Amino acid sequence: MGVVEETRQVLQDFLAPELREIRGILSAIDKRLDSQDKRLDTIEDANRVRFESIIQRLETIQQSFSFDKRISAIEADKRQSV
């Protein structure tokens, strides 16, 4: 057997199975990362809905404390009392 053939045999006997195992491990990691990515997307969507709800509530509160409305109400009361 020549040196090239011996080297090829070593590669086939040792490295090829190791590379297949590494490829399998990487594939499992890739699947897990995809699963986590989907989970994070779901959480992000839920948080976006909550955030929008909070913004709407704050806008409602802001409108209820609007100075324009309060001033108009005070002026209306002032006119009624005159």
N, C-alpha and C. Protein backbone atom coordinates (compact mmCIF):
# COMPACT_ATOMS: atom_id res chain seq x y z
N MET A 1 0.84 -1.17 0.00
CA MET A 1 0.00 0.00 0.00
C MET A 1 0.89 1.24 0.00
N GLY A 2 0.48 2.22 -0.80
CA GLY A 2 1.25 3.45 -0.86
C GLY A 2 0.83 4.42 0.24
N VAL A 3 1.61 5.46 0.38
CA VAL A 3 1.35 6.47 1.40
C VAL A 3 0.00 7.16 1.14
N VAL A 4 -0.29 7.42 -0.11
CA VAL A 4 -1.55 8.07 -0.44
C VAL A 4 -2.73 7.18 -0.07
N GLU A 5 -2.61 5.90 -0.37
CA GLU A 5 -3.71 4.97 -0.04
C GLU A 5 -3.87 4.82 1.46
N GLU A 6 -2.77 4.78 2.19
CA GLU A 6 -2.84 4.67 3.65
C GLU A 6 -3.49 5.92 4.25
N THR A 7 -3.10 7.07 3.72
CA THR A 7 -3.68 8.32 4.20
C THR A 7 -5.18 8.35 3.92
N ARG A 8 -5.55 7.93 2.73
CA ARG A 8 -6.96 7.89 2.36
C ARG A 8 -7.73 6.94 3.28
N GLN A 9 -7.14 5.81 3.60
CA GLN A 9 -7.79 4.83 4.47
C GLN A 9 -7.97 5.40 5.88
N VAL A 10 -6.95 6.09 6.38
CA VAL A 10 -7.05 6.71 7.71
C VAL A 10 -8.17 7.74 7.72
N LEU A 11 -8.23 8.54 6.67
CA LEU A 11 -9.29 9.55 6.58
C LEU A 11 -10.67 8.90 6.56
N GLN A 12 -10.80 7.84 5.81
CA GLN A 12 -12.09 7.16 5.71
C GLN A 12 -12.45 6.46 7.01
N ASP A 13 -11.46 5.86 7.67
CA ASP A 13 -11.74 5.10 8.89
C ASP A 13 -11.96 5.98 10.12
N PHE A 14 -11.25 7.11 10.19
CA PHE A 14 -11.33 7.91 11.41
C PHE A 14 -12.08 9.23 11.21
N LEU A 15 -11.65 10.00 10.25
CA LEU A 15 -12.21 11.34 10.10
C LEU A 15 -13.63 11.35 9.55
N ALA A 16 -13.92 10.50 8.60
CA ALA A 16 -15.26 10.51 8.00
C ALA A 16 -16.36 10.27 9.04
N PRO A 17 -16.24 9.26 9.91
CA PRO A 17 -17.28 9.09 10.93
C PRO A 17 -17.36 10.27 11.91
N GLU A 18 -16.21 10.82 12.25
CA GLU A 18 -16.19 11.98 13.15
C GLU A 18 -16.89 13.17 12.50
N LEU A 19 -16.63 13.38 11.23
CA LEU A 19 -17.27 14.48 10.52
C LEU A 19 -18.78 14.28 10.43
N ARG A 20 -19.22 13.05 10.22
CA ARG A 20 -20.65 12.76 10.19
C ARG A 20 -21.29 13.04 11.55
N GLU A 21 -20.58 12.67 12.62
CA GLU A 21 -21.09 12.92 13.96
C GLU A 21 -21.19 14.43 14.22
N ILE A 22 -20.16 15.16 13.83
CA ILE A 22 -20.17 16.61 14.00
C ILE A 22 -21.31 17.23 13.19
N ARG A 23 -21.50 16.75 11.98
CA ARG A 23 -22.59 17.25 11.14
C ARG A 23 -23.94 16.99 11.81
N GLY A 24 -24.10 15.82 12.42
CA GLY A 24 -25.35 15.51 13.13
C GLY A 24 -25.57 16.43 14.32
N ILE A 25 -24.51 16.69 15.06
CA ILE A 25 -24.60 17.59 16.21
C ILE A 25 -24.97 19.00 15.75
N LEU A 26 -24.34 19.47 14.70
CA LEU A 26 -24.65 20.80 14.18
C LEU A 26 -26.09 20.88 13.68
N SER A 27 -26.57 19.81 13.08
CA SER A 27 -27.95 19.77 12.61
C SER A 27 -28.92 19.88 13.80
N ALA A 28 -28.61 19.18 14.89
CA ALA A 28 -29.46 19.24 16.08
C ALA A 28 -29.44 20.64 16.68
N ILE A 29 -28.27 21.26 16.70
CA ILE A 29 -28.17 22.63 17.22
C ILE A 29 -28.96 23.58 16.34
N ASP A 30 -28.88 23.41 15.04
CA ASP A 30 -29.63 24.26 14.11
C ASP A 30 -31.13 24.13 14.34
N LYS A 31 -31.62 22.92 14.54
CA LYS A 31 -33.05 22.71 14.80
C LYS A 31 -33.47 23.37 16.11
N ARG A 32 -32.60 23.26 17.11
CA ARG A 32 -32.92 23.88 18.41
C ARG A 32 -32.96 25.40 18.29
N LEU A 33 -32.02 25.95 17.55
CA LEU A 33 -32.01 27.40 17.34
C LEU A 33 -33.25 27.85 16.58
N ASP A 34 -33.68 27.09 15.59
CA ASP A 34 -34.92 27.43 14.87
C ASP A 34 -36.11 27.42 15.82
N SER A 35 -36.15 26.43 16.71
CA SER A 35 -37.24 26.34 17.68
C SER A 35 -37.23 27.54 18.61
N GLN A 36 -36.06 27.92 19.08
CA GLN A 36 -35.94 29.08 19.97
C GLN A 36 -36.33 30.36 19.23
N ASP A 37 -35.95 30.45 17.97
CA ASP A 37 -36.28 31.63 17.17
C ASP A 37 -37.80 31.78 17.03
N LYS A 38 -38.49 30.67 16.79
CA LYS A 38 -39.95 30.71 16.69
C LYS A 38 -40.56 31.12 18.03
N ARG A 39 -39.99 30.58 19.11
CA ARG A 39 -40.49 30.92 20.45
C ARG A 39 -40.31 32.41 20.73
N LEU A 40 -39.16 32.94 20.37
CA LEU A 40 -38.90 34.37 20.58
C LEU A 40 -39.83 35.22 19.72
N ASP A 41 -40.12 34.77 18.51
CA ASP A 41 -41.06 35.51 17.65
C ASP A 41 -42.44 35.58 18.31
N THR A 42 -42.87 34.47 18.91
CA THR A 42 -44.16 34.42 19.59
C THR A 42 -44.17 35.39 20.78
N ILE A 43 -43.11 35.37 21.54
CA ILE A 43 -43.00 36.27 22.70
C ILE A 43 -42.98 37.72 22.23
N GLU A 44 -42.25 37.99 21.16
CA GLU A 44 -42.18 39.35 20.62
C GLU A 44 -43.55 39.84 20.17
N ASP A 45 -44.30 38.97 19.51
CA ASP A 45 -45.65 39.34 19.07
C ASP A 45 -46.55 39.66 20.27
N ALA A 46 -46.47 38.82 21.30
CA ALA A 46 -47.29 39.04 22.50
C ALA A 46 -46.91 40.36 23.17
N ASN A 47 -45.61 40.62 23.24
CA ASN A 47 -45.16 41.87 23.86
C ASN A 47 -45.58 43.08 23.03
N ARG A 48 -45.59 42.95 21.71
CA ARG A 48 -46.01 44.05 20.86
C ARG A 48 -47.49 44.38 21.12
N VAL A 49 -48.31 43.34 21.25
CA VAL A 49 -49.74 43.55 21.52
C VAL A 49 -49.91 44.24 22.87
N ARG A 50 -49.17 43.78 23.88
CA ARG A 50 -49.26 44.39 25.21
C ARG A 50 -48.81 45.85 25.16
N PHE A 51 -47.72 46.11 24.47
CA PHE A 51 -47.20 47.47 24.36
C PHE A 51 -48.22 48.39 23.69
N GLU A 52 -48.83 47.93 22.62
CA GLU A 52 -49.84 48.74 21.93
C GLU A 52 -51.03 49.00 22.82
N SER A 53 -51.41 48.02 23.62
CA SER A 53 -52.52 48.19 24.55
C SER A 53 -52.17 49.25 25.60
N ILE A 54 -50.96 49.19 26.10
CA ILE A 54 -50.52 50.18 27.10
C ILE A 54 -50.49 51.57 26.49
N ILE A 55 -50.00 51.68 25.27
CA ILE A 55 -49.96 52.98 24.59
C ILE A 55 -51.38 53.54 24.43
N GLN A 56 -52.33 52.70 24.05
CA GLN A 56 -53.72 53.15 23.90
C GLN A 56 -54.27 53.64 25.23
N ARG A 57 -53.97 52.90 26.29
CA ARG A 57 -54.46 53.31 27.62
C ARG A 57 -53.85 54.65 28.02
N LEU A 58 -52.56 54.81 27.77
CA LEU A 58 -51.89 56.07 28.12
C LEU A 58 -52.46 57.24 27.31
N GLU A 59 -52.75 56.99 26.05
CA GLU A 59 -53.35 58.05 25.23
C GLU A 59 -54.72 58.43 25.76
N THR A 60 -55.48 57.46 26.20
CA THR A 60 -56.80 57.73 26.77
C THR A 60 -56.66 58.56 28.05
N ILE A 61 -55.72 58.19 28.88
CA ILE A 61 -55.48 58.94 30.12
C ILE A 61 -55.02 60.36 29.79
N GLN A 62 -54.13 60.46 28.82
CA GLN A 62 -53.63 61.77 28.43
C GLN A 62 -54.76 62.67 27.93
N GLN A 63 -55.65 62.10 27.15
CA GLN A 63 -56.77 62.88 26.64
C GLN A 63 -57.70 63.31 27.77
N SER A 64 -57.87 62.46 28.76
CA SER A 64 -58.76 62.81 29.86
C SER A 64 -58.17 63.92 30.73
N PHE A 65 -56.86 64.04 30.73
CA PHE A 65 -56.22 65.10 31.50
C PHE A 65 -55.76 66.25 30.61
N SER A 66 -56.27 66.29 29.43
CA SER A 66 -55.87 67.32 28.47
C SER A 66 -56.16 68.70 29.02
N PHE A 67 -55.16 69.55 28.95
CA PHE A 67 -55.33 70.91 29.47
C PHE A 67 -56.35 71.70 28.66
N ASP A 68 -56.43 71.46 27.36
CA ASP A 68 -57.42 72.17 26.55
C ASP A 68 -58.83 71.90 27.05
N LYS A 69 -59.10 70.66 27.34
CA LYS A 69 -60.43 70.32 27.84
C LYS A 69 -60.68 70.93 29.21
N ARG A 70 -59.66 70.89 30.05
CA ARG A 70 -59.81 71.44 31.39
C ARG A 70 -60.03 72.96 31.32
N ILE A 71 -59.28 73.63 30.48
CA ILE A 71 -59.44 75.08 30.34
C ILE A 71 -60.82 75.40 29.78
N SER A 72 -61.25 74.63 28.78
CA SER A 72 -62.59 74.85 28.21
C SER A 72 -63.66 74.65 29.27
N ALA A 73 -63.50 73.67 30.11
CA ALA A 73 -64.48 73.42 31.16
C ALA A 73 -64.48 74.56 32.16
N ILE A 74 -63.31 75.07 32.51
CA ILE A 74 -63.23 76.19 33.45
C ILE A 74 -63.88 77.43 32.85
N GLU A 75 -63.59 77.67 31.56
CA GLU A 75 -64.19 78.83 30.90
C GLU A 75 -65.70 78.69 30.81
N ALA A 76 -66.18 77.50 30.56
CA ALA A 76 -67.62 77.27 30.49
C ALA A 76 -68.25 77.51 31.86
N ASP A 77 -67.63 77.07 32.91
CA ASP A 77 -68.14 77.31 34.26
C ASP A 77 -68.12 78.81 34.58
N LYS A 78 -67.08 79.47 34.13
CA LYS A 78 -66.96 80.91 34.38
C LYS A 78 -68.08 81.68 33.68
N ARG A 79 -68.38 81.27 32.44
CA ARG A 79 -69.45 81.93 31.67
C ARG A 79 -70.81 81.70 32.35
N GLN A 80 -71.00 80.51 32.84
CA GLN A 80 -72.29 80.19 33.48
C GLN A 80 -72.48 80.98 34.75
N SER A 81 -71.40 81.23 35.45
CA SER A 81 -71.52 81.94 36.72
C SER A 81 -71.64 83.46 36.54
N VAL A 82 -71.31 83.97 35.38
CA VAL A 82 -71.40 85.42 35.13
C VAL A 82 -72.77 85.83 34.81
